[in-house]
Amino acid sequence: MSKYTNFYTVTCPVASDYLSKWGSAMSRCETCGNEYIRSFTVVVDGHAHEFDSFECAIHALAPTCGRCGIRIVGHGVESGVHMYCSANCAREAGAHGLVDHI
C-alpha cells in the first residue's frame, strides 16, 4: 500500500444544526484562520482537521509533486515512494515506464 493512501472522512454540519448545538461559536480554518459557519471536518488517519474551503483543505493535505512541487489534486502517478503530478514530471525526475491515466 502506498504511503500516500489515506482514509478520509468529511463532515459538514448544516448551519442551523450547528447553531443549535454550538450556539454562536464557529469553527476556525486551520489553514487560513477564517471563522466560518459552514466549515467542515476532514479526518485523516484519525486526526481531525477543520477547513472553511476545499482550497484550504487541498493546501494542507494534498501531496506535492516530487519534481515541480505543485499540489496533486487528481490521482497523480507514483514511482517508488515518490508521487508526481504527471508522467511527464516523473520522467523529468528520472522515473521510467509511467503513463498518465485519464
Protein backbone atom coordinates (compact mmCIF):
# COMPACT_ATOMS: atom_id res chain seq x y z
CA MET A 1 0.00 0.00 0.00
CA SER A 2 1.28 3.47 -0.87
CA LYS A 3 2.27 5.80 1.94
CA TYR A 4 0.04 8.40 0.22
CA THR A 5 -3.13 6.34 0.63
CA ASN A 6 -5.26 7.67 3.49
CA PHE A 7 -8.83 7.18 4.52
CA TYR A 8 -10.71 10.48 4.54
CA THR A 9 -13.91 11.23 6.38
CA VAL A 10 -15.58 14.55 5.61
CA THR A 11 -18.42 16.06 7.63
CA CYS A 12 -20.17 19.36 7.01
CA PRO A 13 -22.82 20.39 9.53
CA VAL A 14 -25.86 22.28 8.33
CA ALA A 15 -25.74 25.84 9.65
CA SER A 16 -28.95 25.62 11.69
CA ASP A 17 -27.88 22.33 13.30
CA TYR A 18 -24.50 23.84 14.06
CA LEU A 19 -26.00 26.88 15.76
CA SER A 20 -28.48 24.83 17.78
CA LYS A 21 -25.67 22.58 19.01
CA TRP A 22 -22.84 25.10 19.49
CA GLY A 23 -24.57 28.46 19.91
CA SER A 24 -22.86 31.32 18.11
CA ALA A 25 -19.37 29.80 18.03
CA MET A 26 -17.92 28.98 14.63
CA SER A 27 -15.08 26.71 13.61
CA ARG A 28 -11.75 28.23 12.64
CA CYS A 29 -9.98 27.04 9.48
CA GLU A 30 -6.61 25.60 10.40
CA THR A 31 -5.06 26.85 7.14
CA CYS A 32 -6.20 30.47 6.86
CA GLY A 33 -7.69 31.13 10.32
CA ASN A 34 -11.08 32.21 8.96
CA GLU A 35 -14.09 31.52 11.19
CA TYR A 36 -16.93 30.18 9.08
CA ILE A 37 -20.29 28.70 9.98
CA ARG A 38 -20.19 26.20 7.10
CA SER A 39 -16.75 24.85 7.82
CA PHE A 40 -16.14 21.13 7.51
CA THR A 41 -14.00 18.50 9.15
CA VAL A 42 -11.68 16.10 7.35
CA VAL A 43 -10.35 13.15 9.35
CA VAL A 44 -7.06 11.69 8.09
CA ASP A 45 -5.52 8.73 9.88
CA GLY A 46 -7.62 9.51 12.96
CA HIS A 47 -6.68 13.22 13.11
CA ALA A 48 -9.44 15.80 12.60
CA HIS A 49 -8.76 18.92 10.52
CA GLU A 50 -11.13 21.92 10.24
CA PHE A 51 -11.37 23.90 6.98
CA ASP A 52 -13.54 26.64 5.54
CA SER A 53 -12.93 25.71 1.89
CA PHE A 54 -11.66 22.92 -0.31
CA GLU A 55 -8.83 25.24 -1.34
CA CYS A 56 -7.55 25.34 2.26
CA ALA A 57 -8.01 21.58 2.67
CA ILE A 58 -6.01 20.92 -0.51
CA HIS A 59 -3.27 23.30 0.60
CA ALA A 60 -2.95 21.48 3.92
CA LEU A 61 -3.50 17.84 2.96
CA ALA A 62 -2.80 17.16 -0.72
CA PRO A 63 0.57 15.59 -1.54
CA THR A 64 3.06 17.59 -3.59
CA CYS A 65 4.74 16.61 -6.84
CA GLY A 66 8.26 15.29 -6.27
CA ARG A 67 9.56 17.37 -9.18
CA CYS A 68 7.63 20.64 -9.57
CA GLY A 69 6.10 20.93 -6.08
CA ILE A 70 2.51 21.54 -7.22
CA ARG A 71 -0.29 20.13 -5.04
CA ILE A 72 -1.67 16.91 -6.54
CA VAL A 73 -5.44 17.19 -6.57
CA GLY A 74 -6.09 14.34 -9.02
CA HIS A 75 -4.68 10.85 -8.97
CA GLY A 76 -1.08 11.69 -9.98
CA VAL A 77 1.44 8.91 -10.61
CA GLU A 78 3.77 7.09 -8.22
CA SER A 79 7.27 5.73 -8.61
CA GLY A 80 8.60 4.01 -5.52
CA VAL A 81 7.98 6.37 -2.61
CA HIS A 82 7.71 9.45 -4.84
CA MET A 83 4.48 10.94 -6.16
CA TYR A 84 4.25 13.17 -9.24
CA CYS A 85 1.51 15.30 -10.74
CA SER A 86 2.01 13.72 -14.17
CA ALA A 87 4.02 11.12 -16.05
CA ASN A 88 5.96 13.97 -17.65
CA CYS A 89 7.16 15.24 -14.26
CA ALA A 90 8.02 11.66 -13.28
CA ARG A 91 10.11 11.24 -16.47
CA GLU A 92 11.84 14.60 -15.88
CA ALA A 93 12.73 13.37 -12.38
CA GLY A 94 14.21 10.16 -13.79
CA ALA A 95 11.34 7.71 -13.28
CA HIS A 96 10.67 5.32 -16.17
CA GLY A 97 7.63 3.46 -17.52
CA LEU A 98 4.92 5.70 -16.05
CA VAL A 99 1.91 6.89 -18.06
CA ASP A 100 -0.90 9.27 -17.23
CA HIS A 101 -4.29 7.62 -16.74
CA ILE A 102 -7.09 9.82 -18.00
